[in-house]
Amino acid sequence: MKKLWLILVPLMSAIVWLVWHAVNVARPAAADPAPISWQGAPPTLTLNDAEEIFKKAFWRRPAPADQIQYAERHEWRDAEGLERWQWFLVVSASPELIKYLRDDNAFGLVPASAAPVVSEAPVWFRFKPEEFTVMQALHAGMRLMFSNSDNTLYATDSGRGFTKGAP
């Protein structure tokens, strides 16, 4: 019986290793996130300075309790200046930031029935709309999505550059 165990244990170990190896080799590598599908030319400038994007978005500096998870700003420029811009933020927001944005309604937003579908959003700007309360500007692009279960805030805005004057 002892000889049988001396044969079975290494044999079973080898079989387990071969199965594990076959499964892991056969598993395809994780696909790279899909690139952004631009509605025209890609931006001429992409910024990732989280604090600077936060300041432009909310007109204030992030508090120490505001943890910016992701931030990205796209700009389209020509020889005459800024033509178009958009930004995206994901923040673990402090209670003060949530009060400022949602309760004090610093930007005069109104409740929205659905979260936006933004085709030019980065891959990390994905969430389940049913798990968020959405507020949006009536006549502009700002949208804030507040998580119903924690302090996560998704935010986006877009717009045009400065209107060029008459020649």
N, C-alpha and C. Protein backbone atom coordinates (compact mmCIF):
# COMPACT_ATOMS: atom_id res chain seq x y z
N MET A 1 0.83 -1.20 0.00
CA MET A 1 0.00 0.00 0.00
C MET A 1 0.87 1.25 0.00
N LYS A 2 2.01 1.19 0.74
CA LYS A 2 2.90 2.34 0.81
C LYS A 2 3.50 2.65 -0.57
N LYS A 3 3.80 1.60 -1.35
CA LYS A 3 4.35 1.80 -2.68
C LYS A 3 3.32 2.47 -3.60
N LEU A 4 2.05 2.11 -3.41
CA LEU A 4 0.99 2.71 -4.21
C LEU A 4 0.91 4.22 -3.96
N TRP A 5 1.01 4.65 -2.71
CA TRP A 5 0.99 6.07 -2.37
C TRP A 5 2.20 6.79 -2.94
N LEU A 6 3.34 6.15 -2.94
CA LEU A 6 4.55 6.76 -3.49
C LEU A 6 4.42 7.01 -4.99
N ILE A 7 3.59 6.24 -5.63
CA ILE A 7 3.37 6.43 -7.06
C ILE A 7 2.21 7.42 -7.30
N LEU A 8 1.11 7.28 -6.54
CA LEU A 8 -0.08 8.09 -6.77
C LEU A 8 0.11 9.57 -6.45
N VAL A 9 0.79 9.90 -5.37
CA VAL A 9 0.95 11.31 -4.97
C VAL A 9 1.71 12.10 -6.03
N PRO A 10 2.88 11.64 -6.50
CA PRO A 10 3.55 12.41 -7.56
C PRO A 10 2.75 12.43 -8.87
N LEU A 11 2.09 11.30 -9.17
CA LEU A 11 1.29 11.25 -10.38
C LEU A 11 0.14 12.26 -10.33
N MET A 12 -0.58 12.31 -9.22
CA MET A 12 -1.68 13.27 -9.07
C MET A 12 -1.15 14.71 -9.09
N SER A 13 -0.02 14.93 -8.46
CA SER A 13 0.58 16.28 -8.48
C SER A 13 0.90 16.69 -9.90
N ALA A 14 1.45 15.79 -10.69
CA ALA A 14 1.79 16.09 -12.07
C ALA A 14 0.53 16.38 -12.89
N ILE A 15 -0.52 15.60 -12.66
CA ILE A 15 -1.78 15.82 -13.40
C ILE A 15 -2.39 17.16 -13.04
N VAL A 16 -2.41 17.50 -11.76
CA VAL A 16 -2.95 18.79 -11.33
C VAL A 16 -2.15 19.93 -11.95
N TRP A 17 -0.82 19.82 -11.97
CA TRP A 17 0.01 20.87 -12.55
C TRP A 17 -0.27 21.00 -14.05
N LEU A 18 -0.38 19.86 -14.76
CA LEU A 18 -0.65 19.91 -16.19
C LEU A 18 -2.00 20.55 -16.50
N VAL A 19 -3.03 20.22 -15.72
CA VAL A 19 -4.35 20.83 -15.92
C VAL A 19 -4.28 22.33 -15.65
N TRP A 20 -3.65 22.72 -14.55
CA TRP A 20 -3.52 24.15 -14.23
C TRP A 20 -2.80 24.89 -15.33
N HIS A 21 -1.69 24.29 -15.81
CA HIS A 21 -0.90 24.93 -16.87
C HIS A 21 -1.72 25.05 -18.16
N ALA A 22 -2.45 24.01 -18.51
CA ALA A 22 -3.25 24.04 -19.74
C ALA A 22 -4.34 25.10 -19.66
N VAL A 23 -4.98 25.23 -18.52
CA VAL A 23 -6.03 26.23 -18.35
C VAL A 23 -5.45 27.63 -18.44
N ASN A 24 -4.34 27.87 -17.80
CA ASN A 24 -3.75 29.22 -17.79
C ASN A 24 -3.13 29.59 -19.13
N VAL A 25 -2.60 28.63 -19.87
CA VAL A 25 -2.04 28.92 -21.18
C VAL A 25 -3.17 29.15 -22.18
N ALA A 26 -4.26 28.40 -22.04
CA ALA A 26 -5.38 28.53 -22.97
C ALA A 26 -6.18 29.80 -22.76
N ARG A 27 -6.11 30.37 -21.53
CA ARG A 27 -6.88 31.58 -21.22
C ARG A 27 -6.30 32.75 -22.00
N PRO A 28 -7.12 33.47 -22.74
CA PRO A 28 -6.61 34.61 -23.49
C PRO A 28 -6.19 35.73 -22.53
N ALA A 29 -5.20 36.47 -22.96
CA ALA A 29 -4.74 37.61 -22.15
C ALA A 29 -5.85 38.64 -22.08
N ALA A 30 -5.89 39.37 -20.99
CA ALA A 30 -6.89 40.41 -20.83
C ALA A 30 -6.74 41.42 -21.97
N ALA A 31 -7.84 41.71 -22.59
CA ALA A 31 -7.82 42.65 -23.72
C ALA A 31 -7.56 44.06 -23.22
N ASP A 32 -6.82 44.82 -24.01
CA ASP A 32 -6.62 46.22 -23.68
C ASP A 32 -7.97 46.92 -23.76
N PRO A 33 -8.17 47.92 -22.89
CA PRO A 33 -9.45 48.62 -22.97
C PRO A 33 -9.63 49.23 -24.37
N ALA A 34 -10.86 49.23 -24.78
CA ALA A 34 -11.16 49.77 -26.11
C ALA A 34 -10.76 51.24 -26.15
N PRO A 35 -10.13 51.65 -27.23
CA PRO A 35 -9.77 53.06 -27.34
C PRO A 35 -11.03 53.91 -27.48
N ILE A 36 -10.88 55.17 -27.18
CA ILE A 36 -12.01 56.09 -27.29
C ILE A 36 -12.36 56.26 -28.76
N SER A 37 -13.65 56.22 -29.04
CA SER A 37 -14.14 56.43 -30.40
C SER A 37 -14.46 57.92 -30.54
N TRP A 38 -13.56 58.66 -31.13
CA TRP A 38 -13.71 60.12 -31.24
C TRP A 38 -14.76 60.47 -32.27
N GLN A 39 -15.51 61.54 -32.00
CA GLN A 39 -16.53 62.04 -32.93
C GLN A 39 -15.88 63.04 -33.88
N GLY A 40 -14.87 62.64 -34.54
CA GLY A 40 -14.08 63.51 -35.40
C GLY A 40 -12.62 63.30 -35.05
N ALA A 41 -11.85 64.36 -35.16
CA ALA A 41 -10.43 64.26 -34.87
C ALA A 41 -10.20 64.07 -33.37
N PRO A 42 -9.17 63.31 -32.98
CA PRO A 42 -8.86 63.19 -31.56
C PRO A 42 -8.39 64.53 -31.01
N PRO A 43 -8.39 64.70 -29.70
CA PRO A 43 -7.99 65.99 -29.13
C PRO A 43 -6.52 66.29 -29.44
N THR A 44 -6.23 67.57 -29.50
CA THR A 44 -4.85 67.98 -29.72
C THR A 44 -4.06 67.96 -28.41
N LEU A 45 -4.78 67.91 -27.28
CA LEU A 45 -4.13 67.89 -25.98
C LEU A 45 -4.97 67.09 -25.00
N THR A 46 -4.33 66.20 -24.26
CA THR A 46 -4.99 65.45 -23.19
C THR A 46 -4.22 65.72 -21.91
N LEU A 47 -4.93 66.20 -20.90
CA LEU A 47 -4.33 66.55 -19.61
C LEU A 47 -4.76 65.55 -18.55
N ASN A 48 -3.84 65.25 -17.61
CA ASN A 48 -4.14 64.32 -16.53
C ASN A 48 -3.79 64.88 -15.17
N ASP A 49 -3.56 66.18 -15.06
CA ASP A 49 -3.25 66.81 -13.77
C ASP A 49 -4.54 66.86 -12.96
N ALA A 50 -4.72 65.88 -12.08
CA ALA A 50 -5.99 65.69 -11.38
C ALA A 50 -6.42 66.92 -10.60
N GLU A 51 -5.51 67.54 -9.86
CA GLU A 51 -5.89 68.70 -9.05
C GLU A 51 -6.29 69.88 -9.93
N GLU A 52 -5.58 70.07 -11.02
CA GLU A 52 -5.90 71.18 -11.92
C GLU A 52 -7.26 70.97 -12.59
N ILE A 53 -7.54 69.76 -13.00
CA ILE A 53 -8.84 69.44 -13.61
C ILE A 53 -9.95 69.63 -12.59
N PHE A 54 -9.73 69.18 -11.36
CA PHE A 54 -10.70 69.36 -10.27
C PHE A 54 -10.99 70.84 -10.07
N LYS A 55 -9.94 71.67 -10.02
CA LYS A 55 -10.11 73.12 -9.80
C LYS A 55 -10.91 73.76 -10.93
N LYS A 56 -10.62 73.40 -12.17
CA LYS A 56 -11.38 73.96 -13.29
C LYS A 56 -12.82 73.49 -13.28
N ALA A 57 -13.03 72.25 -12.86
CA ALA A 57 -14.37 71.68 -12.85
C ALA A 57 -15.25 72.29 -11.77
N PHE A 58 -14.73 72.38 -10.55
CA PHE A 58 -15.56 72.75 -9.40
C PHE A 58 -15.24 74.12 -8.81
N TRP A 59 -14.33 74.86 -9.42
CA TRP A 59 -13.99 76.22 -9.02
C TRP A 59 -13.46 76.29 -7.59
N ARG A 60 -12.79 75.25 -7.16
CA ARG A 60 -12.19 75.21 -5.83
C ARG A 60 -11.16 74.09 -5.81
N ARG A 61 -10.27 74.17 -4.83
CA ARG A 61 -9.26 73.13 -4.65
C ARG A 61 -9.88 71.92 -3.97
N PRO A 62 -9.35 70.73 -4.26
CA PRO A 62 -9.86 69.57 -3.53
C PRO A 62 -9.41 69.64 -2.07
N ALA A 63 -10.30 69.27 -1.18
CA ALA A 63 -9.96 69.19 0.25
C ALA A 63 -9.12 67.93 0.46
N PRO A 64 -8.39 67.87 1.56
CA PRO A 64 -7.61 66.65 1.82
C PRO A 64 -8.47 65.38 1.82
N ALA A 65 -9.73 65.49 2.17
CA ALA A 65 -10.62 64.32 2.21
C ALA A 65 -11.18 63.95 0.84
N ASP A 66 -10.99 64.80 -0.16
CA ASP A 66 -11.44 64.50 -1.52
C ASP A 66 -10.35 63.71 -2.23
N GLN A 67 -10.61 62.46 -2.50
CA GLN A 67 -9.63 61.60 -3.16
C GLN A 67 -9.99 61.45 -4.63
N ILE A 68 -9.19 62.08 -5.49
CA ILE A 68 -9.43 62.01 -6.93
C ILE A 68 -8.91 60.67 -7.42
N GLN A 69 -9.81 59.84 -7.92
CA GLN A 69 -9.41 58.52 -8.42
C GLN A 69 -8.92 58.61 -9.86
N TYR A 70 -9.64 59.35 -10.69
CA TYR A 70 -9.27 59.51 -12.10
C TYR A 70 -9.64 60.92 -12.54
N ALA A 71 -8.86 61.45 -13.46
CA ALA A 71 -9.14 62.77 -14.02
C ALA A 71 -8.53 62.84 -15.42
N GLU A 72 -9.29 63.40 -16.34
CA GLU A 72 -8.77 63.56 -17.70
C GLU A 72 -9.51 64.71 -18.36
N ARG A 73 -8.75 65.55 -19.06
CA ARG A 73 -9.33 66.67 -19.81
C ARG A 73 -8.82 66.59 -21.23
N HIS A 74 -9.75 66.71 -22.18
CA HIS A 74 -9.40 66.71 -23.60
C HIS A 74 -9.63 68.13 -24.13
N GLU A 75 -8.71 68.58 -24.95
CA GLU A 75 -8.84 69.90 -25.57
C GLU A 75 -8.55 69.79 -27.05
N TRP A 76 -9.34 70.48 -27.84
CA TRP A 76 -9.13 70.60 -29.27
C TRP A 76 -8.78 72.05 -29.54
N ARG A 77 -7.59 72.28 -30.08
CA ARG A 77 -7.11 73.64 -30.34
C ARG A 77 -6.74 73.79 -31.81
N ASP A 78 -6.84 75.02 -32.26
CA ASP A 78 -6.33 75.35 -33.58
C ASP A 78 -5.41 76.56 -33.43
N ALA A 79 -5.02 77.14 -34.53
CA ALA A 79 -4.09 78.27 -34.48
C ALA A 79 -4.66 79.47 -33.72
N GLU A 80 -5.99 79.57 -33.68
CA GLU A 80 -6.63 80.70 -33.02
C GLU A 80 -6.97 80.44 -31.56
N GLY A 81 -6.78 79.23 -31.08
CA GLY A 81 -7.05 78.95 -29.67
C GLY A 81 -7.91 77.73 -29.45
N LEU A 82 -8.53 77.69 -28.28
CA LEU A 82 -9.34 76.56 -27.85
C LEU A 82 -10.65 76.50 -28.63
N GLU A 83 -10.93 75.37 -29.26
CA GLU A 83 -12.17 75.19 -30.02
C GLU A 83 -13.21 74.40 -29.23
N ARG A 84 -12.76 73.39 -28.50
CA ARG A 84 -13.66 72.48 -27.80
C ARG A 84 -12.91 71.83 -26.65
N TRP A 85 -13.63 71.49 -25.57
CA TRP A 85 -13.02 70.83 -24.42
C TRP A 85 -14.02 69.89 -23.76
N GLN A 86 -13.50 68.94 -23.00
CA GLN A 86 -14.32 68.08 -22.17
C GLN A 86 -13.43 67.51 -21.06
N TRP A 87 -14.05 67.28 -19.91
CA TRP A 87 -13.30 66.66 -18.81
C TRP A 87 -14.14 65.58 -18.15
N PHE A 88 -13.43 64.68 -17.47
CA PHE A 88 -14.05 63.57 -16.75
C PHE A 88 -13.34 63.41 -15.42
N LEU A 89 -14.10 63.21 -14.36
CA LEU A 89 -13.55 63.00 -13.02
C LEU A 89 -14.28 61.87 -12.32
N VAL A 90 -13.54 61.12 -11.52
CA VAL A 90 -14.12 60.19 -10.56
C VAL A 90 -13.46 60.52 -9.24
N VAL A 91 -14.29 60.84 -8.23
CA VAL A 91 -13.79 61.30 -6.95
C VAL A 91 -14.47 60.55 -5.82
N SER A 92 -13.67 60.14 -4.83
CA SER A 92 -14.24 59.72 -3.55
C SER A 92 -14.42 61.03 -2.79
N ALA A 93 -15.63 61.54 -2.81
CA ALA A 93 -15.90 62.90 -2.36
C ALA A 93 -16.08 62.99 -0.85
N SER A 94 -15.58 64.08 -0.31
CA SER A 94 -15.79 64.38 1.11
C SER A 94 -17.24 64.80 1.31
N PRO A 95 -17.75 64.71 2.53
CA PRO A 95 -19.11 65.21 2.79
C PRO A 95 -19.26 66.68 2.43
N GLU A 96 -18.19 67.46 2.61
CA GLU A 96 -18.24 68.89 2.27
C GLU A 96 -18.41 69.10 0.77
N LEU A 97 -17.70 68.31 -0.04
CA LEU A 97 -17.83 68.44 -1.49
C LEU A 97 -19.23 68.03 -1.94
N ILE A 98 -19.74 66.95 -1.39
CA ILE A 98 -21.10 66.51 -1.75
C ILE A 98 -22.12 67.58 -1.36
N LYS A 99 -21.95 68.18 -0.19
CA LYS A 99 -22.86 69.25 0.24
C LYS A 99 -22.77 70.43 -0.74
N TYR A 100 -21.56 70.84 -1.08
CA TYR A 100 -21.34 71.96 -1.99
C TYR A 100 -21.98 71.70 -3.36
N LEU A 101 -21.78 70.50 -3.90
CA LEU A 101 -22.26 70.21 -5.25
C LEU A 101 -23.73 69.82 -5.31
N ARG A 102 -24.18 68.98 -4.39
CA ARG A 102 -25.54 68.46 -4.45
C ARG A 102 -26.52 69.28 -3.61
N ASP A 103 -26.20 69.46 -2.32
CA ASP A 103 -27.15 70.10 -1.42
C ASP A 103 -27.20 71.62 -1.61
N ASP A 104 -26.02 72.26 -1.67
CA ASP A 104 -25.99 73.71 -1.92
C ASP A 104 -26.24 74.01 -3.41
N ASN A 105 -26.05 72.99 -4.26
CA ASN A 105 -26.27 73.09 -5.69
C ASN A 105 -25.51 74.29 -6.28
N ALA A 106 -24.20 74.29 -6.08
CA ALA A 106 -23.34 75.39 -6.48
C ALA A 106 -23.44 75.75 -7.96
N PHE A 107 -23.83 74.81 -8.80
CA PHE A 107 -23.87 75.08 -10.24
C PHE A 107 -25.29 75.13 -10.80
N GLY A 108 -26.28 75.16 -9.94
CA GLY A 108 -27.67 75.28 -10.40
C GLY A 108 -28.12 74.12 -11.26
N LEU A 109 -27.75 72.92 -10.88
CA LEU A 109 -28.11 71.74 -11.65
C LEU A 109 -29.51 71.26 -11.27
N VAL A 110 -30.11 70.50 -12.17
CA VAL A 110 -31.44 69.95 -11.93
C VAL A 110 -31.35 68.43 -11.97
N PRO A 111 -32.27 67.75 -11.26
CA PRO A 111 -32.25 66.28 -11.33
C PRO A 111 -32.50 65.81 -12.76
N ALA A 112 -31.82 64.74 -13.11
CA ALA A 112 -31.99 64.14 -14.44
C ALA A 112 -32.53 62.73 -14.27
N SER A 113 -33.23 62.26 -15.27
CA SER A 113 -33.84 60.94 -15.16
C SER A 113 -32.86 59.82 -15.49
N ALA A 114 -31.80 60.12 -16.22
CA ALA A 114 -30.86 59.06 -16.61
C ALA A 114 -29.44 59.59 -16.67
N ALA A 115 -28.51 58.70 -16.47
CA ALA A 115 -27.10 59.06 -16.59
C ALA A 115 -26.75 59.22 -18.07
N PRO A 116 -25.79 60.06 -18.36
CA PRO A 116 -25.45 60.30 -19.76
C PRO A 116 -24.68 59.13 -20.36
N VAL A 117 -24.81 58.99 -21.65
CA VAL A 117 -23.96 58.09 -22.40
C VAL A 117 -23.01 59.01 -23.15
N VAL A 118 -21.75 58.96 -22.78
CA VAL A 118 -20.75 59.83 -23.40
C VAL A 118 -19.81 58.95 -24.20
N SER A 119 -19.90 59.05 -25.51
CA SER A 119 -19.12 58.15 -26.37
C SER A 119 -17.62 58.41 -26.27
N GLU A 120 -17.22 59.62 -25.93
CA GLU A 120 -15.80 59.94 -25.88
C GLU A 120 -15.22 59.84 -24.46
N ALA A 121 -15.89 59.11 -23.60
CA ALA A 121 -15.43 58.96 -22.22
C ALA A 121 -14.31 57.93 -22.12
N PRO A 122 -13.37 58.16 -21.20
CA PRO A 122 -12.32 57.15 -20.96
C PRO A 122 -12.95 55.85 -20.44
N VAL A 123 -12.23 54.77 -20.58
CA VAL A 123 -12.74 53.47 -20.19
C VAL A 123 -13.07 53.40 -18.70
N TRP A 124 -12.37 54.16 -17.86
CA TRP A 124 -12.63 54.14 -16.42
C TRP A 124 -13.87 54.94 -16.04
N PHE A 125 -14.49 55.61 -16.98
CA PHE A 125 -15.70 56.40 -16.71
C PHE A 125 -16.93 55.56 -17.04
N ARG A 126 -17.00 54.40 -16.43
CA ARG A 126 -18.12 53.47 -16.63
C ARG A 126 -18.73 53.16 -15.27
N PHE A 127 -20.05 53.13 -15.21
CA PHE A 127 -20.75 52.85 -13.96
C PHE A 127 -22.14 52.34 -14.30
N LYS A 128 -22.82 51.80 -13.29
CA LYS A 128 -24.19 51.31 -13.48
C LYS A 128 -25.14 52.47 -13.19
N PRO A 129 -25.78 53.02 -14.20
CA PRO A 129 -26.63 54.21 -14.03
C PRO A 129 -27.69 54.07 -12.94
N GLU A 130 -28.23 52.87 -12.78
CA GLU A 130 -29.29 52.68 -11.78
C GLU A 130 -28.79 52.83 -10.35
N GLU A 131 -27.49 52.85 -10.16
CA GLU A 131 -26.91 52.98 -8.82
C GLU A 131 -26.51 54.42 -8.50
N PHE A 132 -26.92 55.38 -9.34
CA PHE A 132 -26.51 56.76 -9.18
C PHE A 132 -27.69 57.72 -9.31
N THR A 133 -27.57 58.85 -8.61
CA THR A 133 -28.49 59.97 -8.76
C THR A 133 -27.79 60.98 -9.65
N VAL A 134 -28.48 61.43 -10.69
CA VAL A 134 -27.87 62.29 -11.69
C VAL A 134 -28.42 63.71 -11.58
N MET A 135 -27.51 64.67 -11.67
CA MET A 135 -27.89 66.08 -11.76
C MET A 135 -27.18 66.65 -12.99
N GLN A 136 -27.88 67.53 -13.70
CA GLN A 136 -27.28 68.08 -14.91
C GLN A 136 -27.66 69.54 -15.09
N ALA A 137 -26.86 70.23 -15.89
CA ALA A 137 -27.15 71.61 -16.24
C ALA A 137 -28.26 71.61 -17.29
N LEU A 138 -29.13 72.61 -17.22
CA LEU A 138 -30.22 72.70 -18.19
C LEU A 138 -29.73 72.99 -19.60
N HIS A 139 -28.79 73.92 -19.74
CA HIS A 139 -28.37 74.36 -21.07
C HIS A 139 -26.88 74.24 -21.27
N ALA A 140 -26.25 73.31 -20.59
CA ALA A 140 -24.81 73.12 -20.74
C ALA A 140 -24.51 71.63 -20.58
N GLY A 141 -23.24 71.28 -20.59
CA GLY A 141 -22.87 69.87 -20.58
C GLY A 141 -22.56 69.27 -19.23
N MET A 142 -22.58 70.06 -18.15
CA MET A 142 -22.18 69.51 -16.86
C MET A 142 -23.18 68.47 -16.36
N ARG A 143 -22.62 67.32 -15.92
CA ARG A 143 -23.42 66.26 -15.32
C ARG A 143 -22.66 65.69 -14.14
N LEU A 144 -23.34 65.55 -13.02
CA LEU A 144 -22.76 64.96 -11.82
C LEU A 144 -23.57 63.72 -11.47
N MET A 145 -22.89 62.62 -11.24
CA MET A 145 -23.54 61.37 -10.88
C MET A 145 -23.08 60.98 -9.48
N PHE A 146 -24.00 61.01 -8.54
CA PHE A 146 -23.72 60.70 -7.13
C PHE A 146 -24.12 59.26 -6.85
N SER A 147 -23.20 58.47 -6.30
CA SER A 147 -23.50 57.09 -5.95
C SER A 147 -24.59 57.05 -4.88
N ASN A 148 -25.51 56.10 -5.01
CA ASN A 148 -26.56 55.93 -4.01
C ASN A 148 -26.08 55.13 -2.80
N SER A 149 -24.88 54.54 -2.89
CA SER A 149 -24.42 53.67 -1.80
C SER A 149 -23.16 54.14 -1.08
N ASP A 150 -22.39 55.02 -1.69
CA ASP A 150 -21.19 55.53 -1.03
C ASP A 150 -20.92 56.95 -1.48
N ASN A 151 -19.70 57.43 -1.31
CA ASN A 151 -19.39 58.83 -1.63
C ASN A 151 -18.73 59.00 -2.99
N THR A 152 -18.89 58.03 -3.89
CA THR A 152 -18.28 58.13 -5.21
C THR A 152 -19.06 59.12 -6.08
N LEU A 153 -18.32 59.98 -6.74
CA LEU A 153 -18.89 60.99 -7.62
C LEU A 153 -18.25 60.85 -8.99
N TYR A 154 -19.06 60.70 -10.02
CA TYR A 154 -18.61 60.76 -11.41
C TYR A 154 -19.07 62.12 -11.91
N ALA A 155 -18.19 62.82 -12.61
CA ALA A 155 -18.54 64.14 -13.11
C ALA A 155 -17.96 64.35 -14.50
N THR A 156 -18.71 65.05 -15.33
CA THR A 156 -18.24 65.37 -16.67
C THR A 156 -18.84 66.70 -17.13
N ASP A 157 -18.15 67.33 -18.03
CA ASP A 157 -18.64 68.56 -18.64
C ASP A 157 -17.94 68.69 -19.98
N SER A 158 -18.53 69.45 -20.86
CA SER A 158 -17.93 69.71 -22.16
C SER A 158 -18.44 71.05 -22.66
N GLY A 159 -17.71 71.60 -23.59
CA GLY A 159 -18.14 72.88 -24.13
C GLY A 159 -17.25 73.33 -25.26
N ARG A 160 -17.53 74.49 -25.71
CA ARG A 160 -16.76 75.11 -26.80
C ARG A 160 -15.76 76.06 -26.21
N GLY A 161 -14.79 76.42 -27.01
CA GLY A 161 -13.82 77.41 -26.58
C GLY A 161 -14.44 78.79 -26.68
N PHE A 162 -13.62 79.78 -26.62
CA PHE A 162 -14.11 81.14 -26.73
C PHE A 162 -14.58 81.43 -28.13
N THR A 163 -15.70 82.13 -28.26
CA THR A 163 -16.22 82.50 -29.56
C THR A 163 -15.29 83.51 -30.19
N LYS A 164 -14.92 83.25 -31.41
CA LYS A 164 -14.00 84.13 -32.11
C LYS A 164 -14.75 85.38 -32.58
N GLY A 165 -14.12 86.50 -32.47
CA GLY A 165 -14.73 87.76 -32.88
C GLY A 165 -14.78 87.93 -34.39
N ALA A 166 -15.47 88.93 -34.81
CA ALA A 166 -15.57 89.22 -36.23
C ALA A 166 -14.21 89.68 -36.74
N PRO A 167 -13.87 89.37 -37.97
CA PRO A 167 -12.57 89.78 -38.54
C PRO A 167 -12.49 91.28 -38.72
